[in-house]
Amino acid sequence: MIRIARLEDLDQILEIVKETVIDLQNEGNYQWDENYPTKINFETDLKNADLYVYEKNNEVAGFICINKKEDSAYLPLTWRRAKDAVVIHRFAVKRSYQRQKIGSKLVEFAEHFAENKGIKYIKVDTNSKNSRMNALFKHLGFEFVGQIHLRDVKEPFYCYDKILE
C-alpha cells in the first residue's frame, strides 16, 4: 500500500537511506552520502506533504518524494516539454524488499499523482553510476534527456522525462 508519509515513518526512512548509501557506494556510486539526503530533507518533505511510502508487512518498504520543484541544474537541458512537470526526488527501496516491483509501483504512483493534478509530464534524475535506477526508468518508458552535475558529486546525473498520454 502506498500512502502519505508520517513523522513516525522517519526512523525507518533514514534506515533505508543508510543501507542505500552503503549499497550505492559499494557500486562506486556516491550520489548519496552522509551529507545528502539528510533528516532535514525528509522533515521538509513531510512538512510539505511531498513524501510517500510503500508500506508492506507493517513497515516502510520504500519511499518516494514527488513535487513540482526542479533543481536549477535542469535549466540548460532541452526537455521534451516546457510545461509543468511532476519531479521525482529522493526515492529508494529497502534492501530486503528489492526485486519485488516496489520501485516500479512507486514510479507508477508518481504517474497517477501527476495525472490527478492534471499534469502529463514527469522529470527525474539519477547518478550515471546508478545502473539499477537508470535501467528502471528506461524500462518504465522514460527517455534520456541529458546530463547535469549536482552538489559536489564527481559523476554526472542522467536526466529523464516521460510524457503521460
C-alpha atoms as a PDB file:
ATOM      1  CA  MET A   1       0.000   0.000   0.000  1.00  0.00           C
ATOM      2  CA  ILE A   2       1.281   3.462  -0.868  1.00  0.00           C
ATOM      3  CA  ARG A   3       0.336   6.299   1.465  1.00  0.00           C
ATOM      4  CA  ILE A   4       1.482   9.740   2.512  1.00  0.00           C
ATOM      5  CA  ALA A   5       4.450   9.502   4.875  1.00  0.00           C
ATOM      6  CA  ARG A   6       4.034  10.336   8.541  1.00  0.00           C
ATOM      7  CA  LEU A   7       6.521  11.598  11.115  1.00  0.00           C
ATOM      8  CA  GLU A   8       6.611   8.176  12.761  1.00  0.00           C
ATOM      9  CA  ASP A   9       7.962   6.734   9.459  1.00  0.00           C
ATOM     10  CA  LEU A  10      11.073   8.914   9.597  1.00  0.00           C
ATOM     11  CA  ASP A  11      13.330   6.491  11.510  1.00  0.00           C
ATOM     12  CA  GLN A  12      12.577   3.676   9.049  1.00  0.00           C
ATOM     13  CA  ILE A  13      13.160   6.007   6.091  1.00  0.00           C
ATOM     14  CA  LEU A  14      16.534   7.052   7.499  1.00  0.00           C
ATOM     15  CA  GLU A  15      17.487   3.388   7.982  1.00  0.00           C
ATOM     16  CA  ILE A  16      16.677   2.738   4.319  1.00  0.00           C
ATOM     17  CA  VAL A  17      18.850   5.722   3.408  1.00  0.00           C
ATOM     18  CA  LYS A  18      21.762   4.308   5.446  1.00  0.00           C
ATOM     19  CA  GLU A  19      21.631   0.917   3.748  1.00  0.00           C
ATOM     20  CA  THR A  20      21.132   2.538   0.335  1.00  0.00           C
ATOM     21  CA  VAL A  21      24.240   4.697   0.838  1.00  0.00           C
ATOM     22  CA  ILE A  22      26.255   1.555   1.628  1.00  0.00           C
ATOM     23  CA  ASP A  23      24.880  -0.304  -1.397  1.00  0.00           C
ATOM     24  CA  LEU A  24      25.434   2.627  -3.770  1.00  0.00           C
ATOM     25  CA  GLN A  25      28.958   3.292  -2.548  1.00  0.00           C
ATOM     26  CA  ASN A  26      29.823  -0.415  -2.874  1.00  0.00           C
ATOM     27  CA  GLU A  27      28.966   0.052  -6.562  1.00  0.00           C
ATOM     28  CA  GLY A  28      31.174   3.163  -6.845  1.00  0.00           C
ATOM     29  CA  ASN A  29      28.172   5.499  -6.812  1.00  0.00           C
ATOM     30  CA  TYR A  30      28.434   8.467  -4.462  1.00  0.00           C
ATOM     31  CA  GLN A  31      25.175  10.241  -5.271  1.00  0.00           C
ATOM     32  CA  TRP A  32      24.037   9.772  -1.644  1.00  0.00           C
ATOM     33  CA  ASP A  33      26.312  10.131   1.357  1.00  0.00           C
ATOM     34  CA  GLU A  34      26.333  11.498   4.903  1.00  0.00           C
ATOM     35  CA  ASN A  35      25.519  14.981   3.536  1.00  0.00           C
ATOM     36  CA  TYR A  36      22.573  14.062   1.294  1.00  0.00           C
ATOM     37  CA  PRO A  37      19.835  13.196   1.798  1.00  0.00           C
ATOM     38  CA  THR A  38      19.554  14.242   5.424  1.00  0.00           C
ATOM     39  CA  LYS A  39      16.920  14.061   8.105  1.00  0.00           C
ATOM     40  CA  ILE A  40      16.204  17.729   7.380  1.00  0.00           C
ATOM     41  CA  ASN A  41      15.420  16.915   3.721  1.00  0.00           C
ATOM     42  CA  PHE A  42      12.849  14.355   4.813  1.00  0.00           C
ATOM     43  CA  GLU A  43      11.396  16.584   7.534  1.00  0.00           C
ATOM     44  CA  THR A  44      10.838  19.227   4.845  1.00  0.00           C
ATOM     45  CA  ASP A  45       9.279  16.607   2.564  1.00  0.00           C
ATOM     46  CA  LEU A  46       6.941  15.590   5.400  1.00  0.00           C
ATOM     47  CA  LYS A  47       6.029  19.198   6.191  1.00  0.00           C
ATOM     48  CA  ASN A  48       5.217  19.836   2.511  1.00  0.00           C
ATOM     49  CA  ALA A  49       3.312  16.526   2.163  1.00  0.00           C
ATOM     50  CA  ASP A  50       5.655  15.523  -0.702  1.00  0.00           C
ATOM     51  CA  LEU A  51       6.803  12.181   0.735  1.00  0.00           C
ATOM     52  CA  TYR A  52       5.050   8.853   0.187  1.00  0.00           C
ATOM     53  CA  VAL A  53       5.871   5.404   1.499  1.00  0.00           C
ATOM     54  CA  TYR A  54       5.200   1.912   0.272  1.00  0.00           C
ATOM     55  CA  GLU A  55       4.092   0.016   3.335  1.00  0.00           C
ATOM     56  CA  LYS A  56       4.358  -3.766   3.454  1.00  0.00           C
ATOM     57  CA  ASN A  57       4.142  -6.072   6.465  1.00  0.00           C
ATOM     58  CA  ASN A  58       3.543  -3.013   8.676  1.00  0.00           C
ATOM     59  CA  GLU A  59       6.883  -1.457   7.782  1.00  0.00           C
ATOM     60  CA  VAL A  60       8.234   1.056   5.289  1.00  0.00           C
ATOM     61  CA  ALA A  61       9.455  -0.939   2.293  1.00  0.00           C
ATOM     62  CA  GLY A  62      10.280   2.096   0.153  1.00  0.00           C
ATOM     63  CA  PHE A  63       9.685   5.814  -0.290  1.00  0.00           C
ATOM     64  CA  ILE A  64       9.429   8.471  -2.966  1.00  0.00           C
ATOM     65  CA  CYS A  65       9.356  12.262  -2.849  1.00  0.00           C
ATOM     66  CA  ILE A  66       7.273  13.885  -5.577  1.00  0.00           C
ATOM     67  CA  ASN A  67       6.540  17.548  -6.168  1.00  0.00           C
ATOM     68  CA  LYS A  68       6.897  20.234  -8.837  1.00  0.00           C
ATOM     69  CA  LYS A  69      10.276  21.577  -7.648  1.00  0.00           C
ATOM     70  CA  GLU A  70      13.032  21.416 -10.246  1.00  0.00           C
ATOM     71  CA  ASP A  71      16.709  21.840  -9.444  1.00  0.00           C
ATOM     72  CA  SER A  72      18.217  24.887 -11.178  1.00  0.00           C
ATOM     73  CA  ALA A  73      20.680  22.474 -12.828  1.00  0.00           C
ATOM     74  CA  TYR A  74      17.758  21.327 -15.010  1.00  0.00           C
ATOM     75  CA  LEU A  75      17.538  24.723 -16.750  1.00  0.00           C
ATOM     76  CA  PRO A  76      20.164  24.252 -19.517  1.00  0.00           C
ATOM     77  CA  LEU A  77      18.679  20.939 -20.684  1.00  0.00           C
ATOM     78  CA  THR A  78      16.323  20.663 -23.626  1.00  0.00           C
ATOM     79  CA  TRP A  79      13.361  18.895 -22.089  1.00  0.00           C
ATOM     80  CA  ARG A  80      10.698  17.498 -24.397  1.00  0.00           C
ATOM     81  CA  ARG A  81       8.026  19.729 -22.880  1.00  0.00           C
ATOM     82  CA  ALA A  82       8.134  23.214 -21.417  1.00  0.00           C
ATOM     83  CA  LYS A  83       5.008  22.620 -19.333  1.00  0.00           C
ATOM     84  CA  ASP A  84       4.596  21.951 -15.627  1.00  0.00           C
ATOM     85  CA  ALA A  85       6.113  18.667 -14.543  1.00  0.00           C
ATOM     86  CA  VAL A  86       5.978  16.438 -11.523  1.00  0.00           C
ATOM     87  CA  VAL A  87       9.539  15.739 -10.398  1.00  0.00           C
ATOM     88  CA  ILE A  88      10.697  12.581  -8.646  1.00  0.00           C
ATOM     89  CA  HIS A  89      13.279  13.198  -5.945  1.00  0.00           C
ATOM     90  CA  ARG A  90      14.555  11.058  -3.057  1.00  0.00           C
ATOM     91  CA  PHE A  91      13.498   7.516  -3.913  1.00  0.00           C
ATOM     92  CA  ALA A  92      14.657   4.157  -2.510  1.00  0.00           C
ATOM     93  CA  VAL A  93      13.501   0.652  -1.671  1.00  0.00           C
ATOM     94  CA  LYS A  94      14.625  -1.214   1.423  1.00  0.00           C
ATOM     95  CA  ARG A  95      17.222  -3.856   0.576  1.00  0.00           C
ATOM     96  CA  SER A  96      15.076  -6.742   1.843  1.00  0.00           C
ATOM     97  CA  TYR A  97      12.192  -5.662  -0.430  1.00  0.00           C
ATOM     98  CA  GLN A  98      14.138  -5.092  -3.639  1.00  0.00           C
ATOM     99  CA  ARG A  99      13.261  -7.096  -6.754  1.00  0.00           C
ATOM    100  CA  GLN A 100       9.571  -7.145  -5.778  1.00  0.00           C
ATOM    101  CA  LYS A 101       8.453  -4.398  -8.216  1.00  0.00           C
ATOM    102  CA  ILE A 102       8.100  -1.858  -5.394  1.00  0.00           C
ATOM    103  CA  GLY A 103      10.244   0.692  -7.248  1.00  0.00           C
ATOM    104  CA  SER A 104       8.028   0.303 -10.330  1.00  0.00           C
ATOM    105  CA  LYS A 105       4.899   0.707  -8.210  1.00  0.00           C
ATOM    106  CA  LEU A 106       6.277   3.886  -6.617  1.00  0.00           C
ATOM    107  CA  VAL A 107       7.037   5.393 -10.039  1.00  0.00           C
ATOM    108  CA  GLU A 108       3.582   4.366 -11.298  1.00  0.00           C
ATOM    109  CA  PHE A 109       2.152   6.070  -8.212  1.00  0.00           C
ATOM    110  CA  ALA A 110       4.037   9.252  -9.195  1.00  0.00           C
ATOM    111  CA  GLU A 111       2.491   8.998 -12.678  1.00  0.00           C
ATOM    112  CA  HIS A 112      -1.032   8.709 -11.220  1.00  0.00           C
ATOM    113  CA  PHE A 113      -0.254  11.549  -8.821  1.00  0.00           C
ATOM    114  CA  ALA A 114       0.722  13.751 -11.786  1.00  0.00           C
ATOM    115  CA  GLU A 115      -2.350  12.799 -13.801  1.00  0.00           C
ATOM    116  CA  ASN A 116      -4.608  13.528 -10.822  1.00  0.00           C
ATOM    117  CA  LYS A 117      -3.122  17.027 -10.753  1.00  0.00           C
ATOM    118  CA  GLY A 118      -3.746  17.436 -14.492  1.00  0.00           C
ATOM    119  CA  ILE A 119      -0.020  17.161 -15.263  1.00  0.00           C
ATOM    120  CA  LYS A 120       1.049  14.902 -18.113  1.00  0.00           C
ATOM    121  CA  TYR A 121       4.797  15.172 -17.674  1.00  0.00           C
ATOM    122  CA  ILE A 122       7.379  13.732 -15.247  1.00  0.00           C
ATOM    123  CA  LYS A 123      11.067  14.537 -14.786  1.00  0.00           C
ATOM    124  CA  VAL A 124      13.693  12.661 -12.816  1.00  0.00           C
ATOM    125  CA  ASP A 125      17.456  12.395 -12.456  1.00  0.00           C
ATOM    126  CA  THR A 126      19.786   9.738 -11.121  1.00  0.00           C
ATOM    127  CA  ASN A 127      23.519   9.318 -10.987  1.00  0.00           C
ATOM    128  CA  SER A 128      25.142   7.910 -14.122  1.00  0.00           C
ATOM    129  CA  LYS A 129      26.625   5.118 -11.971  1.00  0.00           C
ATOM    130  CA  ASN A 130      23.222   4.066 -10.614  1.00  0.00           C
ATOM    131  CA  SER A 131      22.705   1.217 -13.071  1.00  0.00           C
ATOM    132  CA  ARG A 132      19.583  -0.173 -11.402  1.00  0.00           C
ATOM    133  CA  MET A 133      17.770   3.169 -11.322  1.00  0.00           C
ATOM    134  CA  ASN A 134      18.811   4.024 -14.884  1.00  0.00           C
ATOM    135  CA  ALA A 135      17.506   0.634 -16.042  1.00  0.00           C
ATOM    136  CA  LEU A 136      14.248   1.113 -14.109  1.00  0.00           C
ATOM    137  CA  PHE A 137      13.492   4.468 -15.714  1.00  0.00           C
ATOM    138  CA  LYS A 138      14.227   3.151 -19.210  1.00  0.00           C
ATOM    139  CA  HIS A 139      12.099   0.058 -18.536  1.00  0.00           C
ATOM    140  CA  LEU A 140       9.197   2.273 -17.427  1.00  0.00           C
ATOM    141  CA  GLY A 141       9.281   4.342 -20.617  1.00  0.00           C
ATOM    142  CA  PHE A 142      11.314   7.351 -19.547  1.00  0.00           C
ATOM    143  CA  GLU A 143      13.537   8.932 -22.181  1.00  0.00           C
ATOM    144  CA  PHE A 144      17.076  10.194 -21.652  1.00  0.00           C
ATOM    145  CA  VAL A 145      17.230  13.999 -21.946  1.00  0.00           C
ATOM    146  CA  GLY A 146      20.815  14.841 -20.984  1.00  0.00           C
ATOM    147  CA  GLN A 147      23.162  15.072 -18.047  1.00  0.00           C
ATOM    148  CA  ILE A 148      23.809  17.551 -15.279  1.00  0.00           C
ATOM    149  CA  HIS A 149      26.037  17.920 -12.245  1.00  0.00           C
ATOM    150  CA  LEU A 150      24.564  18.137  -8.757  1.00  0.00           C
ATOM    151  CA  ARG A 151      26.073  19.072  -5.440  1.00  0.00           C
ATOM    152  CA  ASP A 152      29.758  18.102  -5.300  1.00  0.00           C
ATOM    153  CA  VAL A 153      29.259  14.675  -6.866  1.00  0.00           C
ATOM    154  CA  LYS A 154      32.001  13.901  -9.390  1.00  0.00           C
ATOM    155  CA  GLU A 155      29.952  11.788 -11.793  1.00  0.00           C
ATOM    156  CA  PRO A 156      27.156  13.343 -13.844  1.00  0.00           C
ATOM    157  CA  PHE A 157      23.486  12.712 -13.231  1.00  0.00           C
ATOM    158  CA  TYR A 158      21.362  11.449 -16.101  1.00  0.00           C
ATOM    159  CA  CYS A 159      18.033  13.203 -16.583  1.00  0.00           C
ATOM    160  CA  TYR A 160      14.946  11.502 -17.932  1.00  0.00           C
ATOM    161  CA  ASP A 161      11.420  12.556 -18.729  1.00  0.00           C
ATOM    162  CA  LYS A 162       8.161  10.849 -19.530  1.00  0.00           C
ATOM    163  CA  ILE A 163       5.123  12.234 -21.295  1.00  0.00           C
ATOM    164  CA  LEU A 164       1.940  10.761 -19.891  1.00  0.00           C
ATOM    165  CA  GLU A 165      -0.776  10.368 -22.516  1.00  0.00           C
END
